[in-house]
Amino acid sequence: MNVENAAELTRRIEALKREKNAVILAHYYTTPDVQAVADFLGDSLALSVQAQQVDARIILFAGVLFMAETAKVLCPDKKVLIPCPEAGCSLAESCDAAEFAAFKARYPGYKVVSYVNTTVEVKALTDICCTSSNALKVVESLPADQPLIFAPDRNLGSYIQKLTGRKNMVLWNGACHVHEEFSLEKLLQLKREHPDAKVVVHPECRAYILEVADYVGSTAGILDFCGRSDAREFIVVTEAGILAEMRRRYPDKEFIPAPPDDETCGCNNCKYMKMVTLENIVACLESESPEIILDEQIRRAAERSIRNMIAIR
């Protein structure tokens, strides 16, 4: 997209927001031009909290489907729009609700902790949700002898299990297509080329990637660490969309994206997040569709698990 076209679309979006009394929530993994039109930019936890506080008739969620569902769960009286409903999530799709219900039935007495990267139907089967920002706090809020099911991300679950030392924790076998693909060999090569760089890693990555990290945390945590650190260079092992916010906040520092095993596949970019564009945001605001519509019984069950999460921030 040329600069002139992007500027015109941005002007149209700003006008529609005023006309429709709408706000845009956007995730760090969207493209820089989408981030630029957002009223609120953040990770999953921050955006979940922000959704409750929005004073607007319409919330447009520039992100993937489960995030817009979460906003609707928390704001049933608002119109929640998603510009590209086909923008799913490999992690959420790895945990089918019917299959998860059968899995849960095999473990009576277990509490369910589910990552927010799940469908609203899985959240309705969950006792308490978590994000990568607060997963440790969520698990530690439950009695040490309480058996747990952790879903759907096996890598985040394994990391939390290692930190807490919990033995009675069963993991669902799901993963994020972006964070699964980072290459240890190429990461170690980057470390040799940039010996003073700090390696910052998202906990959805495989355990052998986490082992070489200087910092492991959520997107928000990574951003904060880069601001606090005296280092001038950082090797970033998470979805590449976060680089735009890193460079905006810390223009005097260098951020180097870690490559996946197959660099031709663009796998350090979430293909779903990149499906949100200025063009489909304009179309969505103009038509006030597609709109998120949820079954009320499922919405109420999911709300309980999400609010339990937010209470433990």
Protein backbone atom coordinates (compact mmCIF):
# COMPACT_ATOMS: atom_id res chain seq x y z
CA MET A 1 0.00 0.00 0.00
CA ASN A 2 1.37 3.41 -0.91
CA VAL A 3 1.71 6.16 1.71
CA GLU A 4 -0.96 8.35 0.13
CA ASN A 5 -3.54 5.56 0.14
CA ALA A 6 -2.71 4.64 3.74
CA ALA A 7 -3.10 8.27 4.81
CA GLU A 8 -6.52 8.51 3.14
CA LEU A 9 -7.71 5.27 4.78
CA THR A 10 -6.45 6.49 8.14
CA ARG A 11 -8.38 9.77 7.75
CA ARG A 12 -11.51 7.79 6.84
CA ILE A 13 -11.11 5.56 9.90
CA GLU A 14 -10.73 8.55 12.23
CA ALA A 15 -13.86 10.14 10.76
CA LEU A 16 -15.86 6.92 11.10
CA LYS A 17 -14.74 6.50 14.72
CA ARG A 18 -16.11 9.94 15.54
CA GLU A 19 -19.30 9.41 13.55
CA LYS A 20 -20.04 5.96 15.00
CA ASN A 21 -18.76 6.55 18.57
CA ALA A 22 -16.32 3.69 18.07
CA VAL A 23 -12.94 2.75 19.48
CA ILE A 24 -10.32 0.41 18.07
CA LEU A 25 -8.44 -2.07 20.25
CA ALA A 26 -5.38 -3.54 18.54
CA HIS A 27 -2.85 -6.19 19.45
CA TYR A 28 0.91 -5.68 19.17
CA TYR A 29 1.07 -8.38 16.47
CA THR A 30 -0.99 -6.43 13.92
CA THR A 31 0.76 -4.43 11.21
CA PRO A 32 2.24 -1.00 12.05
CA ASP A 33 -0.39 0.90 10.05
CA VAL A 34 -3.18 -0.89 11.92
CA GLN A 35 -1.47 -0.19 15.25
CA ALA A 36 -1.30 3.48 14.28
CA VAL A 37 -5.12 3.82 14.07
CA ALA A 38 -5.74 2.07 17.41
CA ASP A 39 -7.10 3.92 20.41
CA PHE A 40 -5.64 1.24 22.66
CA LEU A 41 -2.69 -1.00 21.85
CA GLY A 42 -1.68 -3.89 24.07
CA ASP A 43 -1.29 -7.58 24.79
CA SER A 44 -4.18 -9.93 25.52
CA LEU A 45 -4.42 -9.13 29.23
CA ALA A 46 -4.24 -5.35 28.82
CA LEU A 47 -6.84 -5.41 26.05
CA SER A 48 -9.16 -7.63 28.12
CA VAL A 49 -9.00 -5.10 30.94
CA GLN A 50 -9.34 -2.15 28.57
CA ALA A 51 -12.45 -3.61 26.92
CA GLN A 52 -14.36 -3.26 30.19
CA GLN A 53 -13.43 0.40 30.54
CA VAL A 54 -14.27 1.58 27.04
CA ASP A 55 -16.83 4.39 26.87
CA ALA A 56 -18.10 3.92 23.33
CA ARG A 57 -21.01 2.37 21.46
CA ILE A 58 -18.79 0.22 19.26
CA ILE A 59 -15.59 -1.72 19.93
CA LEU A 60 -13.71 -2.76 16.82
CA PHE A 61 -11.14 -5.40 17.65
CA ALA A 62 -8.10 -5.27 15.38
CA GLY A 63 -6.87 -8.73 16.19
CA VAL A 64 -7.99 -12.32 15.93
CA LEU A 65 -11.39 -13.85 16.58
CA PHE A 66 -10.90 -15.09 20.15
CA MET A 67 -9.89 -11.58 21.23
CA ALA A 68 -13.07 -10.04 19.82
CA GLU A 69 -15.09 -12.79 21.50
CA THR A 70 -13.43 -11.93 24.82
CA ALA A 71 -14.37 -8.27 24.39
CA LYS A 72 -17.99 -9.25 23.71
CA VAL A 73 -18.05 -11.54 26.75
CA LEU A 74 -16.98 -8.63 28.94
CA CYS A 75 -19.09 -5.99 27.16
CA PRO A 76 -22.40 -7.63 26.19
CA ASP A 77 -24.14 -4.25 25.92
CA LYS A 78 -21.71 -2.97 23.28
CA LYS A 79 -21.51 -3.76 19.59
CA VAL A 80 -18.24 -5.62 19.06
CA LEU A 81 -16.93 -5.80 15.50
CA ILE A 82 -14.15 -7.83 13.94
CA PRO A 83 -12.88 -6.64 10.55
CA CYS A 84 -11.75 -10.11 9.47
CA PRO A 85 -13.64 -12.98 11.16
CA GLU A 86 -11.49 -15.44 9.21
CA ALA A 87 -8.52 -14.30 11.33
CA GLY A 88 -8.36 -17.24 13.67
CA CYS A 89 -5.55 -18.55 15.87
CA SER A 90 -3.60 -21.77 15.46
CA LEU A 91 -3.45 -22.16 19.23
CA ALA A 92 -7.19 -21.68 19.73
CA GLU A 93 -7.89 -24.01 16.81
CA SER A 94 -5.71 -26.70 18.42
CA CYS A 95 -8.29 -27.05 21.21
CA ASP A 96 -11.72 -28.09 19.94
CA ALA A 97 -14.41 -27.51 22.58
CA ALA A 98 -16.08 -30.91 22.21
CA GLU A 99 -12.75 -32.72 22.37
CA PHE A 100 -11.71 -30.62 25.34
CA ALA A 101 -14.97 -31.40 27.19
CA ALA A 102 -14.24 -35.12 26.75
CA PHE A 103 -10.65 -34.59 27.92
CA LYS A 104 -11.85 -32.67 30.98
CA ALA A 105 -14.30 -35.48 31.86
CA ARG A 106 -11.35 -37.85 32.20
CA TYR A 107 -10.01 -35.79 35.14
CA PRO A 108 -12.79 -35.32 37.71
CA GLY A 109 -11.81 -32.94 40.51
CA TYR A 110 -9.29 -31.07 38.37
CA LYS A 111 -9.58 -27.30 37.99
CA VAL A 112 -9.17 -25.96 34.47
CA VAL A 113 -6.78 -23.10 33.70
CA SER A 114 -7.06 -22.02 30.07
CA TYR A 115 -4.98 -19.53 28.15
CA VAL A 116 -7.05 -16.71 26.65
CA ASN A 117 -6.01 -18.01 23.21
CA THR A 118 -9.08 -20.25 23.19
CA THR A 119 -12.59 -20.11 21.78
CA VAL A 120 -15.42 -18.78 23.90
CA GLU A 121 -16.77 -22.35 24.14
CA VAL A 122 -13.52 -23.56 25.75
CA LYS A 123 -13.54 -20.58 28.11
CA ALA A 124 -17.03 -21.68 29.17
CA LEU A 125 -15.49 -25.02 30.25
CA THR A 126 -12.74 -23.24 32.21
CA ASP A 127 -12.47 -22.27 35.88
CA ILE A 128 -9.98 -19.47 35.37
CA CYS A 129 -8.32 -18.05 32.27
CA CYS A 130 -4.81 -16.70 32.10
CA THR A 131 -2.50 -14.85 29.73
CA SER A 132 1.25 -15.16 29.41
CA SER A 133 1.42 -12.02 31.60
CA ASN A 134 -0.30 -13.59 34.58
CA ALA A 135 -0.22 -17.38 34.05
CA LEU A 136 2.22 -17.87 36.94
CA LYS A 137 0.07 -15.76 39.31
CA VAL A 138 -3.08 -17.59 38.22
CA VAL A 139 -1.61 -21.04 38.86
CA GLU A 140 -0.07 -19.93 42.16
CA SER A 141 -3.46 -18.55 43.27
CA LEU A 142 -4.78 -22.12 43.41
CA PRO A 143 -3.87 -24.48 46.29
CA ALA A 144 -0.63 -26.37 45.68
CA ASP A 145 -2.43 -29.70 46.09
CA GLN A 146 -5.22 -28.80 43.65
CA PRO A 147 -4.92 -30.94 40.48
CA LEU A 148 -4.98 -28.80 37.33
CA ILE A 149 -5.64 -29.09 33.64
CA PHE A 150 -3.71 -26.45 31.67
CA ALA A 151 -4.82 -25.73 28.12
CA PRO A 152 -4.14 -25.33 25.29
CA ASP A 153 -0.45 -24.32 25.03
CA ARG A 154 1.86 -27.14 26.08
CA ASN A 155 4.94 -24.89 26.00
CA LEU A 156 3.51 -22.22 28.30
CA GLY A 157 2.06 -24.96 30.51
CA SER A 158 5.41 -26.75 30.77
CA TYR A 159 7.14 -23.47 31.60
CA ILE A 160 4.67 -22.69 34.39
CA GLN A 161 4.88 -26.24 35.67
CA LYS A 162 8.66 -25.93 35.86
CA LEU A 163 8.46 -22.59 37.72
CA THR A 164 5.90 -23.84 40.24
CA GLY A 165 7.15 -27.42 40.64
CA ARG A 166 3.59 -28.72 40.39
CA LYS A 167 3.35 -32.46 39.79
CA ASN A 168 -0.43 -32.71 39.50
CA MET A 169 -0.82 -30.65 36.32
CA VAL A 170 -2.07 -32.17 33.06
CA LEU A 171 -1.29 -30.35 29.80
CA TRP A 172 -3.41 -30.18 26.66
CA ASN A 173 -1.27 -30.77 23.59
CA GLY A 174 -1.63 -27.47 21.70
CA ALA A 175 0.83 -24.93 20.33
CA CYS A 176 1.18 -21.63 18.45
CA HIS A 177 2.43 -21.99 14.88
CA VAL A 178 4.63 -18.90 15.21
CA HIS A 179 6.38 -19.70 18.49
CA GLU A 180 6.90 -23.38 17.62
CA GLU A 181 8.99 -22.51 14.57
CA PHE A 182 11.96 -20.58 15.98
CA SER A 183 15.30 -22.18 15.20
CA LEU A 184 17.73 -22.81 18.07
CA GLU A 185 20.66 -23.09 15.65
CA LYS A 186 19.89 -19.72 14.05
CA LEU A 187 19.24 -18.12 17.43
CA LEU A 188 22.65 -19.28 18.69
CA GLN A 189 24.24 -17.91 15.52
CA LEU A 190 22.62 -14.53 16.17
CA LYS A 191 23.99 -14.61 19.73
CA ARG A 192 27.50 -15.18 18.33
CA GLU A 193 27.06 -12.28 15.89
CA HIS A 194 25.68 -9.99 18.62
CA PRO A 195 27.44 -11.05 21.84
CA ASP A 196 26.18 -8.06 23.84
CA ALA A 197 22.53 -8.51 22.83
CA LYS A 198 19.93 -9.68 25.32
CA VAL A 199 17.66 -12.51 24.16
CA VAL A 200 13.99 -11.90 24.98
CA VAL A 201 11.61 -14.82 24.50
CA HIS A 202 7.88 -15.44 24.71
CA PRO A 203 6.95 -18.48 26.88
CA GLU A 204 4.95 -20.05 24.04
CA CYS A 205 8.33 -21.06 22.57
CA ARG A 206 9.79 -24.52 23.00
CA ALA A 207 11.74 -25.28 26.19
CA TYR A 208 15.14 -25.40 24.43
CA ILE A 209 14.56 -21.83 23.19
CA LEU A 210 13.60 -20.61 26.68
CA GLU A 211 16.85 -22.04 28.06
CA VAL A 212 18.98 -19.52 26.13
CA ALA A 213 16.84 -16.50 27.05
CA ASP A 214 17.93 -13.57 29.17
CA TYR A 215 14.27 -12.76 29.75
CA VAL A 216 11.09 -14.82 29.30
CA GLY A 217 7.76 -13.03 29.33
CA SER A 218 4.63 -11.80 27.61
CA THR A 219 4.71 -9.17 24.90
CA ALA A 220 4.04 -6.48 27.50
CA GLY A 221 6.71 -7.95 29.77
CA ILE A 222 9.24 -8.03 26.94
CA LEU A 223 8.54 -4.39 26.12
CA ASP A 224 9.03 -3.38 29.75
CA PHE A 225 12.24 -5.40 30.08
CA CYS A 226 13.74 -3.75 27.00
CA GLY A 227 13.01 -0.35 28.54
CA ARG A 228 14.57 -1.24 31.89
CA SER A 229 17.64 -2.98 30.50
CA ASP A 230 20.91 -1.13 29.92
CA ALA A 231 21.50 -3.27 26.83
CA ARG A 232 21.47 -1.55 23.45
CA GLU A 233 20.67 -4.66 21.38
CA PHE A 234 17.95 -7.28 21.76
CA ILE A 235 17.27 -10.50 19.89
CA VAL A 236 13.48 -10.78 19.84
CA VAL A 237 12.00 -14.29 19.88
CA THR A 238 8.30 -13.70 19.43
CA GLU A 239 5.93 -12.55 16.69
CA ALA A 240 7.62 -9.84 14.63
CA GLY A 241 4.73 -7.39 14.88
CA ILE A 242 5.98 -6.28 18.28
CA LEU A 243 9.06 -4.74 16.64
CA ALA A 244 7.09 -1.67 15.55
CA GLU A 245 6.17 -0.79 19.14
CA MET A 246 9.67 -1.59 20.37
CA ARG A 247 11.23 0.78 17.84
CA ARG A 248 8.65 3.46 18.57
CA ARG A 249 9.29 3.33 22.33
CA TYR A 250 13.04 2.85 22.24
CA PRO A 251 14.40 4.43 19.03
CA ASP A 252 17.96 4.41 20.38
CA LYS A 253 18.00 0.62 20.74
CA GLU A 254 18.34 -2.12 18.12
CA PHE A 255 15.88 -5.00 17.86
CA ILE A 256 16.79 -8.07 15.86
CA PRO A 257 14.01 -10.54 14.97
CA ALA A 258 14.90 -14.18 15.50
CA PRO A 259 14.31 -16.26 12.35
CA PRO A 260 12.25 -19.44 12.11
CA ASP A 261 13.68 -22.70 10.78
CA ASP A 262 12.31 -21.92 7.32
CA GLU A 263 12.91 -18.23 6.67
CA THR A 264 11.00 -18.35 3.38
CA CYS A 265 7.72 -19.11 5.15
CA GLY A 266 7.51 -15.85 7.10
CA CYS A 267 6.69 -17.94 10.17
CA ASN A 268 7.78 -15.30 12.67
CA ASN A 269 4.69 -13.39 11.54
CA CYS A 270 1.22 -14.50 12.58
CA LYS A 271 -0.62 -14.87 9.29
CA TYR A 272 -3.93 -14.33 11.09
CA MET A 273 -2.99 -11.03 12.71
CA LYS A 274 -1.74 -9.76 9.37
CA MET A 275 -5.20 -10.38 7.85
CA VAL A 276 -6.43 -7.22 9.58
CA THR A 277 -5.93 -4.27 7.23
CA LEU A 278 -6.88 -0.61 7.00
CA GLU A 279 -9.20 -1.53 4.13
CA ASN A 280 -11.21 -4.08 6.08
CA ILE A 281 -11.31 -1.80 9.13
CA VAL A 282 -12.93 0.90 6.99
CA ALA A 283 -15.45 -1.57 5.53
CA CYS A 284 -16.24 -2.94 8.99
CA LEU A 285 -16.89 0.51 10.48
CA GLU A 286 -18.97 1.59 7.50
CA SER A 287 -21.27 -1.44 7.62
CA GLU A 288 -20.97 -2.11 11.38
CA SER A 289 -20.33 -5.73 10.52
CA PRO A 290 -19.18 -8.47 10.93
CA GLU A 291 -20.46 -8.33 14.51
CA ILE A 292 -19.66 -10.77 17.30
CA ILE A 293 -22.84 -12.54 18.45
CA LEU A 294 -22.60 -15.06 21.31
CA ASP A 295 -24.94 -17.55 22.89
CA GLU A 296 -25.88 -15.98 26.23
CA GLN A 297 -25.46 -19.14 28.30
CA ILE A 298 -21.97 -19.71 26.88
CA ARG A 299 -21.14 -16.03 27.28
CA ARG A 300 -22.03 -16.08 30.99
CA ALA A 301 -19.98 -19.22 31.64
CA ALA A 302 -17.00 -17.75 29.79
CA GLU A 303 -17.35 -14.43 31.63
CA ARG A 304 -16.84 -16.13 34.96
CA SER A 305 -13.50 -17.62 33.90
CA ILE A 306 -12.29 -14.36 32.36
CA ARG A 307 -13.27 -12.22 35.35
CA ASN A 308 -11.56 -14.72 37.65
CA MET A 309 -8.41 -14.08 35.59
CA ILE A 310 -8.70 -10.29 35.66
CA ALA A 311 -9.14 -10.35 39.44
CA ILE A 312 -5.62 -11.84 39.74
CA ARG A 313 -3.80 -9.23 37.64
